[in-house]
């Protein structure tokens, strides 16, 4: 289970990165299940630049990466 993060307005697709790493180690990617995080304590958007109105989405979804050893 991973969460994709936005850093300096660049989305880092952790689910894809982890899948590719494991595939290079001999695993087979079966499926990635995406689901909304139902309740979280952090806000859904934040302002990384501290400029008023400049907001980006935080981690609102989790990615369940299902792999199988080949």
Protein backbone atom coordinates (compact mmCIF):
# COMPACT_ATOMS: atom_id res chain seq x y z
CA UNK A 1 0.00 0.00 0.00
CA UNK A 2 1.50 3.31 -1.09
CA UNK A 3 0.44 6.90 -1.55
CA UNK A 4 1.39 9.17 -4.42
CA UNK A 5 2.80 12.49 -3.31
CA UNK A 6 3.15 15.92 -4.91
CA UNK A 7 6.47 17.69 -4.32
CA UNK A 8 7.10 21.15 -5.80
CA UNK A 9 3.95 20.71 -7.92
CA UNK A 10 5.31 17.47 -9.41
CA UNK A 11 3.25 14.32 -8.80
CA UNK A 12 5.44 11.35 -7.84
CA UNK A 13 3.66 8.13 -8.94
CA UNK A 14 4.92 5.88 -6.15
CA UNK A 15 2.57 3.05 -7.21
CA UNK A 16 4.12 2.89 -10.68
CA UNK A 17 7.67 3.25 -9.36
CA UNK A 18 7.22 0.43 -6.84
CA UNK A 19 5.59 -1.81 -9.44
CA UNK A 20 8.51 -1.27 -11.84
CA UNK A 21 11.08 -1.94 -9.13
CA UNK A 22 9.41 -5.20 -8.12
CA UNK A 23 9.00 -6.28 -11.76
CA UNK A 24 12.76 -5.79 -12.24
CA UNK A 25 13.22 -8.18 -9.28
CA UNK A 26 11.12 -10.89 -10.93
CA UNK A 27 7.62 -10.09 -9.65
CA UNK A 28 4.53 -9.93 -11.83
CA UNK A 29 2.20 -6.95 -11.43
CA UNK A 30 -1.36 -8.26 -11.14
CA UNK A 31 -3.40 -5.19 -10.26
CA UNK A 32 -3.37 -1.81 -8.58
CA UNK A 33 -6.48 -1.00 -6.56
CA UNK A 34 -7.11 2.69 -5.94
CA UNK A 35 -9.33 3.82 -3.11
CA UNK A 36 -10.12 7.09 -1.43
CA UNK A 37 -8.83 7.52 2.09
CA UNK A 38 -12.15 7.72 3.95
CA UNK A 39 -10.98 9.72 6.94
CA UNK A 40 -7.73 11.53 7.39
CA UNK A 41 -6.52 14.16 9.79
CA UNK A 42 -4.55 16.22 7.28
CA UNK A 43 -6.26 18.65 4.89
CA UNK A 44 -7.14 17.48 1.35
CA UNK A 45 -5.15 20.39 -0.11
CA UNK A 46 -2.10 22.27 1.13
CA UNK A 47 -0.03 25.26 0.08
CA UNK A 48 3.60 24.17 -0.31
CA UNK A 49 4.68 27.64 -1.46
CA UNK A 50 2.79 29.54 1.27
CA UNK A 51 1.31 31.74 -1.47
CA UNK A 52 -2.34 32.49 -0.82
CA UNK A 53 -4.60 30.45 -3.12
CA UNK A 54 -1.70 28.34 -4.46
CA UNK A 55 -2.75 24.87 -3.33
CA UNK A 56 -2.01 21.32 -4.40
CA UNK A 57 -3.78 18.09 -3.54
CA UNK A 58 -2.31 16.03 -0.71
CA UNK A 59 -2.53 12.24 -0.44
CA UNK A 60 -6.26 11.61 -0.75
CA UNK A 61 -6.04 8.15 -2.30
CA UNK A 62 -4.13 5.02 -1.45
CA UNK A 63 -2.84 2.56 -4.00
CA UNK A 64 -2.80 -1.15 -3.19
CA UNK A 65 -0.21 -2.66 -5.51
CA UNK A 66 -0.78 -6.40 -5.90
CA UNK A 67 2.23 -8.38 -7.09
CA UNK A 68 3.06 -12.05 -7.47
CA UNK A 69 6.46 -13.66 -7.38
CA UNK A 70 7.01 -15.05 -10.87
